[in-house]
Amino acid sequence: MNYKQIIDPVVFFQAHFSRLFMERHNLMPQEFLALNKKKNIIGFLRLGYEPFHLTGDEGVLEQLDNYAGIAN
């Protein structure tokens, strides 16, 4: 059994896109946490899991950029 089978798919989704978002915007974890506190990015990913989980990475990242008010 690998780690993807152990964790909740929504949690894996949130972790995956949090990491990609930080890489995309060159954010340190502390900067991401501050932004998440203001914008609730993790909550947005949880609410958007159903419509987003079949969308490609780039599409989800574009939605996150729009939600967070960050232009790429």
PDB file of N, CA and C in Angstrom:
ATOM      1  N   MET A   1       0.851  -1.173   0.000  1.00  0.00           N
ATOM      2  CA  MET A   1       0.000   0.000   0.000  1.00  0.00           C
ATOM      3  C   MET A   1       0.901   1.241   0.000  1.00  0.00           C
ATOM      4  N   ASN A   2       0.650   2.173  -0.910  1.00  0.00           N
ATOM      5  CA  ASN A   2       1.442   3.397  -0.923  1.00  0.00           C
ATOM      6  C   ASN A   2       0.707   4.523  -0.193  1.00  0.00           C
ATOM      7  N   TYR A   3       1.389   5.626   0.026  1.00  0.00           N
ATOM      8  CA  TYR A   3       0.820   6.710   0.816  1.00  0.00           C
ATOM      9  C   TYR A   3      -0.437   7.309   0.193  1.00  0.00           C
ATOM     10  N   LYS A   4      -0.574   7.279  -1.123  1.00  0.00           N
ATOM     11  CA  LYS A   4      -1.771   7.818  -1.770  1.00  0.00           C
ATOM     12  C   LYS A   4      -3.014   7.014  -1.404  1.00  0.00           C
ATOM     13  N   GLN A   5      -2.851   5.747  -1.100  1.00  0.00           N
ATOM     14  CA  GLN A   5      -3.987   4.914  -0.713  1.00  0.00           C
ATOM     15  C   GLN A   5      -4.380   5.133   0.741  1.00  0.00           C
ATOM     16  N   ILE A   6      -3.500   5.687   1.542  1.00  0.00           N
ATOM     17  CA  ILE A   6      -3.749   5.857   2.961  1.00  0.00           C
ATOM     18  C   ILE A   6      -4.495   7.155   3.252  1.00  0.00           C
ATOM     19  N   ILE A   7      -4.123   8.251   2.579  1.00  0.00           N
ATOM     20  CA  ILE A   7      -4.714   9.537   2.911  1.00  0.00           C
ATOM     21  C   ILE A   7      -5.979   9.811   2.106  1.00  0.00           C
ATOM     22  N   ASP A   8      -6.793  10.649   2.666  1.00  0.00           N
ATOM     23  CA  ASP A   8      -8.032  11.098   2.037  1.00  0.00           C
ATOM     24  C   ASP A   8      -7.687  11.741   0.686  1.00  0.00           C
ATOM     25  N   PRO A   9      -8.420  11.438  -0.376  1.00  0.00           N
ATOM     26  CA  PRO A   9      -8.100  12.018  -1.682  1.00  0.00           C
ATOM     27  C   PRO A   9      -8.212  13.539  -1.696  1.00  0.00           C
ATOM     28  N   VAL A  10      -9.099  14.107  -0.889  1.00  0.00           N
ATOM     29  CA  VAL A  10      -9.223  15.566  -0.841  1.00  0.00           C
ATOM     30  C   VAL A  10      -7.981  16.173  -0.199  1.00  0.00           C
ATOM     31  N   VAL A  11      -7.470  15.546   0.843  1.00  0.00           N
ATOM     32  CA  VAL A  11      -6.254  16.033   1.503  1.00  0.00           C
ATOM     33  C   VAL A  11      -5.075  15.941   0.540  1.00  0.00           C
ATOM     34  N   PHE A  12      -4.972  14.852  -0.192  1.00  0.00           N
ATOM     35  CA  PHE A  12      -3.908  14.716  -1.184  1.00  0.00           C
ATOM     36  C   PHE A  12      -4.035  15.813  -2.242  1.00  0.00           C
ATOM     37  N   PHE A  13      -5.258  16.078  -2.706  1.00  0.00           N
ATOM     38  CA  PHE A  13      -5.542  17.127  -3.685  1.00  0.00           C
ATOM     39  C   PHE A  13      -5.100  18.492  -3.148  1.00  0.00           C
ATOM     40  N   GLN A  14      -5.455  18.778  -1.905  1.00  0.00           N
ATOM     41  CA  GLN A  14      -5.086  20.054  -1.291  1.00  0.00           C
ATOM     42  C   GLN A  14      -3.567  20.188  -1.184  1.00  0.00           C
ATOM     43  N   ALA A  15      -2.893  19.143  -0.742  1.00  0.00           N
ATOM     44  CA  ALA A  15      -1.440  19.187  -0.597  1.00  0.00           C
ATOM     45  C   ALA A  15      -0.757  19.346  -1.952  1.00  0.00           C
ATOM     46  N   HIS A  16      -1.233  18.615  -2.931  1.00  0.00           N
ATOM     47  CA  HIS A  16      -0.655  18.669  -4.280  1.00  0.00           C
ATOM     48  C   HIS A  16      -0.752  20.081  -4.849  1.00  0.00           C
ATOM     49  N   PHE A  17      -1.927  20.677  -4.797  1.00  0.00           N
ATOM     50  CA  PHE A  17      -2.098  22.000  -5.404  1.00  0.00           C
ATOM     51  C   PHE A  17      -1.521  23.116  -4.554  1.00  0.00           C
ATOM     52  N   SER A  18      -1.424  22.917  -3.258  1.00  0.00           N
ATOM     53  CA  SER A  18      -0.726  23.908  -2.422  1.00  0.00           C
ATOM     54  C   SER A  18       0.741  23.965  -2.825  1.00  0.00           C
ATOM     55  N   ARG A  19       1.348  22.793  -3.001  1.00  0.00           N
ATOM     56  CA  ARG A  19       2.753  22.734  -3.413  1.00  0.00           C
ATOM     57  C   ARG A  19       2.959  23.351  -4.790  1.00  0.00           C
ATOM     58  N   LEU A  20       2.094  23.007  -5.752  1.00  0.00           N
ATOM     59  CA  LEU A  20       2.216  23.575  -7.097  1.00  0.00           C
ATOM     60  C   LEU A  20       2.022  25.083  -7.088  1.00  0.00           C
ATOM     61  N   PHE A  21       1.083  25.563  -6.289  1.00  0.00           N
ATOM     62  CA  PHE A  21       0.816  27.000  -6.188  1.00  0.00           C
ATOM     63  C   PHE A  21       2.034  27.716  -5.602  1.00  0.00           C
ATOM     64  N   MET A  22       2.643  27.140  -4.571  1.00  0.00           N
ATOM     65  CA  MET A  22       3.844  27.746  -3.983  1.00  0.00           C
ATOM     66  C   MET A  22       4.984  27.791  -5.000  1.00  0.00           C
ATOM     67  N   GLU A  23       5.165  26.720  -5.739  1.00  0.00           N
ATOM     68  CA  GLU A  23       6.214  26.694  -6.765  1.00  0.00           C
ATOM     69  C   GLU A  23       5.936  27.717  -7.857  1.00  0.00           C
ATOM     70  N   ARG A  24       4.699  27.798  -8.290  1.00  0.00           N
ATOM     71  CA  ARG A  24       4.312  28.707  -9.374  1.00  0.00           C
ATOM     72  C   ARG A  24       4.598  30.160  -9.013  1.00  0.00           C
ATOM     73  N   HIS A  25       4.387  30.512  -7.737  1.00  0.00           N
ATOM     74  CA  HIS A  25       4.533  31.902  -7.301  1.00  0.00           C
ATOM     75  C   HIS A  25       5.761  32.127  -6.417  1.00  0.00           C
ATOM     76  N   ASN A  26       6.662  31.140  -6.396  1.00  0.00           N
ATOM     77  CA  ASN A  26       7.897  31.240  -5.612  1.00  0.00           C
ATOM     78  C   ASN A  26       7.623  31.651  -4.168  1.00  0.00           C
ATOM     79  N   LEU A  27       6.641  31.000  -3.552  1.00  0.00           N
ATOM     80  CA  LEU A  27       6.282  31.296  -2.165  1.00  0.00           C
ATOM     81  C   LEU A  27       6.951  30.314  -1.223  1.00  0.00           C
ATOM     82  N   MET A  28       7.431  30.835  -0.127  1.00  0.00           N
ATOM     83  CA  MET A  28       7.915  29.989   0.956  1.00  0.00           C
ATOM     84  C   MET A  28       6.679  29.480   1.705  1.00  0.00           C
ATOM     85  N   PRO A  29       6.804  28.358   2.410  1.00  0.00           N
ATOM     86  CA  PRO A  29       5.637  27.846   3.146  1.00  0.00           C
ATOM     87  C   PRO A  29       4.999  28.883   4.078  1.00  0.00           C
ATOM     88  N   GLN A  30       5.816  29.694   4.741  1.00  0.00           N
ATOM     89  CA  GLN A  30       5.274  30.717   5.636  1.00  0.00           C
ATOM     90  C   GLN A  30       4.446  31.748   4.867  1.00  0.00           C
ATOM     91  N   GLU A  31       4.893  32.102   3.665  1.00  0.00           N
ATOM     92  CA  GLU A  31       4.154  33.059   2.834  1.00  0.00           C
ATOM     93  C   GLU A  31       2.827  32.449   2.373  1.00  0.00           C
ATOM     94  N   PHE A  32       2.883  31.170   2.007  1.00  0.00           N
ATOM     95  CA  PHE A  32       1.648  30.496   1.601  1.00  0.00           C
ATOM     96  C   PHE A  32       0.668  30.438   2.762  1.00  0.00           C
ATOM     97  N   LEU A  33       1.161  30.120   3.962  1.00  0.00           N
ATOM     98  CA  LEU A  33       0.282  30.043   5.124  1.00  0.00           C
ATOM     99  C   LEU A  33      -0.358  31.394   5.437  1.00  0.00           C
ATOM    100  N   ALA A  34       0.393  32.476   5.278  1.00  0.00           N
ATOM    101  CA  ALA A  34      -0.168  33.817   5.497  1.00  0.00           C
ATOM    102  C   ALA A  34      -1.248  34.120   4.460  1.00  0.00           C
ATOM    103  N   LEU A  35      -0.986  33.773   3.203  1.00  0.00           N
ATOM    104  CA  LEU A  35      -1.981  33.980   2.154  1.00  0.00           C
ATOM    105  C   LEU A  35      -3.207  33.104   2.391  1.00  0.00           C
ATOM    106  N   ASN A  36      -2.978  31.869   2.807  1.00  0.00           N
ATOM    107  CA  ASN A  36      -4.090  30.968   3.098  1.00  0.00           C
ATOM    108  C   ASN A  36      -4.949  31.516   4.235  1.00  0.00           C
ATOM    109  N   LYS A  37      -4.315  32.120   5.216  1.00  0.00           N
ATOM    110  CA  LYS A  37      -5.059  32.693   6.342  1.00  0.00           C
ATOM    111  C   LYS A  37      -5.982  33.814   5.869  1.00  0.00           C
ATOM    112  N   LYS A  38      -5.519  34.604   4.890  1.00  0.00           N
ATOM    113  CA  LYS A  38      -6.325  35.703   4.349  1.00  0.00           C
ATOM    114  C   LYS A  38      -7.394  35.208   3.370  1.00  0.00           C
ATOM    115  N   LYS A  39      -7.026  34.262   2.510  1.00  0.00           N
ATOM    116  CA  LYS A  39      -7.889  33.858   1.388  1.00  0.00           C
ATOM    117  C   LYS A  39      -8.532  32.488   1.535  1.00  0.00           C
ATOM    118  N   ASN A  40      -8.117  31.687   2.519  1.00  0.00           N
ATOM    119  CA  ASN A  40      -8.649  30.337   2.734  1.00  0.00           C
ATOM    120  C   ASN A  40      -8.515  29.460   1.478  1.00  0.00           C
ATOM    121  N   ILE A  41      -7.316  29.414   0.966  1.00  0.00           N
ATOM    122  CA  ILE A  41      -7.035  28.635  -0.245  1.00  0.00           C
ATOM    123  C   ILE A  41      -7.306  27.150  -0.019  1.00  0.00           C
ATOM    124  N   ILE A  42      -6.908  26.635   1.141  1.00  0.00           N
ATOM    125  CA  ILE A  42      -7.136  25.221   1.445  1.00  0.00           C
ATOM    126  C   ILE A  42      -8.637  24.921   1.456  1.00  0.00           C
ATOM    127  N   GLY A  43      -9.418  25.802   2.033  1.00  0.00           N
ATOM    128  CA  GLY A  43     -10.876  25.632   2.045  1.00  0.00           C
ATOM    129  C   GLY A  43     -11.458  25.694   0.644  1.00  0.00           C
ATOM    130  N   PHE A  44     -10.929  26.602  -0.175  1.00  0.00           N
ATOM    131  CA  PHE A  44     -11.374  26.715  -1.572  1.00  0.00           C
ATOM    132  C   PHE A  44     -11.109  25.411  -2.320  1.00  0.00           C
ATOM    133  N   LEU A  45      -9.942  24.823  -2.075  1.00  0.00           N
ATOM    134  CA  LEU A  45      -9.628  23.549  -2.727  1.00  0.00           C
ATOM    135  C   LEU A  45     -10.552  22.441  -2.241  1.00  0.00           C
ATOM    136  N   ARG A  46     -10.892  22.435  -0.963  1.00  0.00           N
ATOM    137  CA  ARG A  46     -11.816  21.414  -0.439  1.00  0.00           C
ATOM    138  C   ARG A  46     -13.187  21.568  -1.100  1.00  0.00           C
ATOM    139  N   LEU A  47     -13.684  22.797  -1.137  1.00  0.00           N
ATOM    140  CA  LEU A  47     -15.000  23.028  -1.750  1.00  0.00           C
ATOM    141  C   LEU A  47     -14.985  22.743  -3.245  1.00  0.00           C
ATOM    142  N   GLY A  48     -13.852  23.003  -3.883  1.00  0.00           N
ATOM    143  CA  GLY A  48     -13.764  22.813  -5.320  1.00  0.00           C
ATOM    144  C   GLY A  48     -13.310  21.427  -5.749  1.00  0.00           C
ATOM    145  N   TYR A  49     -13.125  20.526  -4.801  1.00  0.00           N
ATOM    146  CA  TYR A  49     -12.594  19.210  -5.157  1.00  0.00           C
ATOM    147  C   TYR A  49     -13.430  18.530  -6.235  1.00  0.00           C
ATOM    148  N   GLU A  50     -14.730  18.468  -6.055  1.00  0.00           N
ATOM    149  CA  GLU A  50     -15.578  17.760  -7.030  1.00  0.00           C
ATOM    150  C   GLU A  50     -15.454  18.335  -8.441  1.00  0.00           C
ATOM    151  N   PRO A  51     -15.629  19.653  -8.632  1.00  0.00           N
ATOM    152  CA  PRO A  51     -15.487  20.147 -10.012  1.00  0.00           C
ATOM    153  C   PRO A  51     -14.045  20.184 -10.510  1.00  0.00           C
ATOM    154  N   PHE A  52     -13.077  20.288  -9.609  1.00  0.00           N
ATOM    155  CA  PHE A  52     -11.686  20.449 -10.026  1.00  0.00           C
ATOM    156  C   PHE A  52     -10.927  19.148 -10.207  1.00  0.00           C
ATOM    157  N   HIS A  53     -11.290  18.070  -9.513  1.00  0.00           N
ATOM    158  CA  HIS A  53     -10.411  16.903  -9.495  1.00  0.00           C
ATOM    159  C   HIS A  53     -10.252  16.229 -10.849  1.00  0.00           C
ATOM    160  N   LEU A  54     -11.122  16.542 -11.797  1.00  0.00           N
ATOM    161  CA  LEU A  54     -10.962  15.992 -13.145  1.00  0.00           C
ATOM    162  C   LEU A  54     -10.362  17.009 -14.111  1.00  0.00           C
ATOM    163  N   THR A  55     -10.037  18.184 -13.581  1.00  0.00           N
ATOM    164  CA  THR A  55      -9.419  19.249 -14.367  1.00  0.00           C
ATOM    165  C   THR A  55      -7.911  19.078 -14.304  1.00  0.00           C
ATOM    166  N   GLY A  56      -7.228  19.458 -15.319  1.00  0.00           N
ATOM    167  CA  GLY A  56      -5.763  19.365 -15.309  1.00  0.00           C
ATOM    168  C   GLY A  56      -5.147  20.347 -14.330  1.00  0.00           C
ATOM    169  N   ASP A  57      -3.886  20.124 -14.017  1.00  0.00           N
ATOM    170  CA  ASP A  57      -3.181  20.973 -13.061  1.00  0.00           C
ATOM    171  C   ASP A  57      -3.254  22.449 -13.438  1.00  0.00           C
ATOM    172  N   GLU A  58      -3.010  22.760 -14.694  1.00  0.00           N
ATOM    173  CA  GLU A  58      -2.992  24.159 -15.130  1.00  0.00           C
ATOM    174  C   GLU A  58      -4.347  24.827 -14.925  1.00  0.00           C
ATOM    175  N   GLY A  59      -5.419  24.114 -15.203  1.00  0.00           N
ATOM    176  CA  GLY A  59      -6.761  24.670 -15.002  1.00  0.00           C
ATOM    177  C   GLY A  59      -7.052  24.963 -13.543  1.00  0.00           C
ATOM    178  N   VAL A  60      -6.648  24.059 -12.666  1.00  0.00           N
ATOM    179  CA  VAL A  60      -6.861  24.281 -11.228  1.00  0.00           C
ATOM    180  C   VAL A  60      -6.004  25.448 -10.750  1.00  0.00           C
ATOM    181  N   LEU A  61      -4.765  25.516 -11.209  1.00  0.00           N
ATOM    182  CA  LEU A  61      -3.890  26.617 -10.804  1.00  0.00           C
ATOM    183  C   LEU A  61      -4.434  27.962 -11.279  1.00  0.00           C
ATOM    184  N   GLU A  62      -5.015  28.008 -12.462  1.00  0.00           N
ATOM    185  CA  GLU A  62      -5.633  29.245 -12.947  1.00  0.00           C
ATOM    186  C   GLU A  62      -6.797  29.648 -12.044  1.00  0.00           C
ATOM    187  N   GLN A  63      -7.603  28.680 -11.636  1.00  0.00           N
ATOM    188  CA  GLN A  63      -8.708  28.970 -10.714  1.00  0.00           C
ATOM    189  C   GLN A  63      -8.169  29.490  -9.383  1.00  0.00           C
ATOM    190  N   LEU A  64      -7.100  28.884  -8.875  1.00  0.00           N
ATOM    191  CA  LEU A  64      -6.490  29.356  -7.632  1.00  0.00           C
ATOM    192  C   LEU A  64      -5.947  30.776  -7.778  1.00  0.00           C
ATOM    193  N   ASP A  65      -5.291  31.056  -8.899  1.00  0.00           N
ATOM    194  CA  ASP A  65      -4.789  32.410  -9.141  1.00  0.00           C
ATOM    195  C   ASP A  65      -5.924  33.424  -9.113  1.00  0.00           C
ATOM    196  N   ASN A  66      -7.008  33.101  -9.801  1.00  0.00           N
ATOM    197  CA  ASN A  66      -8.166  34.012  -9.829  1.00  0.00           C
ATOM    198  C   ASN A  66      -8.754  34.186  -8.440  1.00  0.00           C
ATOM    199  N   TYR A  67      -8.905  33.099  -7.717  1.00  0.00           N
ATOM    200  CA  TYR A  67      -9.483  33.151  -6.363  1.00  0.00           C
ATOM    201  C   TYR A  67      -8.605  33.971  -5.420  1.00  0.00           C
ATOM    202  N   ALA A  68      -7.292  33.753  -5.488  1.00  0.00           N
ATOM    203  CA  ALA A  68      -6.375  34.437  -4.591  1.00  0.00           C
ATOM    204  C   ALA A  68      -6.059  35.866  -5.052  1.00  0.00           C
ATOM    205  N   GLY A  69      -6.474  36.201  -6.278  1.00  0.00           N
ATOM    206  CA  GLY A  69      -6.196  37.537  -6.802  1.00  0.00           C
ATOM    207  C   GLY A  69      -4.749  37.740  -7.202  1.00  0.00           C
ATOM    208  N   ILE A  70      -4.127  36.659  -7.656  1.00  0.00           N
ATOM    209  CA  ILE A  70      -2.720  36.707  -8.075  1.00  0.00           C
ATOM    210  C   ILE A  70      -2.656  36.423  -9.567  1.00  0.00           C
ATOM    211  N   ALA A  71      -2.034  37.351 -10.293  1.00  0.00           N
ATOM    212  CA  ALA A  71      -1.848  37.129 -11.727  1.00  0.00           C
ATOM    213  C   ALA A  71      -0.560  36.352 -11.940  1.00  0.00           C
ATOM    214  N   ASN A  72      -0.608  35.429 -12.884  1.00  0.00           N
ATOM    215  CA  ASN A  72       0.600  34.661 -13.177  1.00  0.00           C
ATOM    216  C   ASN A  72       1.288  35.237 -14.388  1.00  0.00           C
TER     217      ASN A  72
END
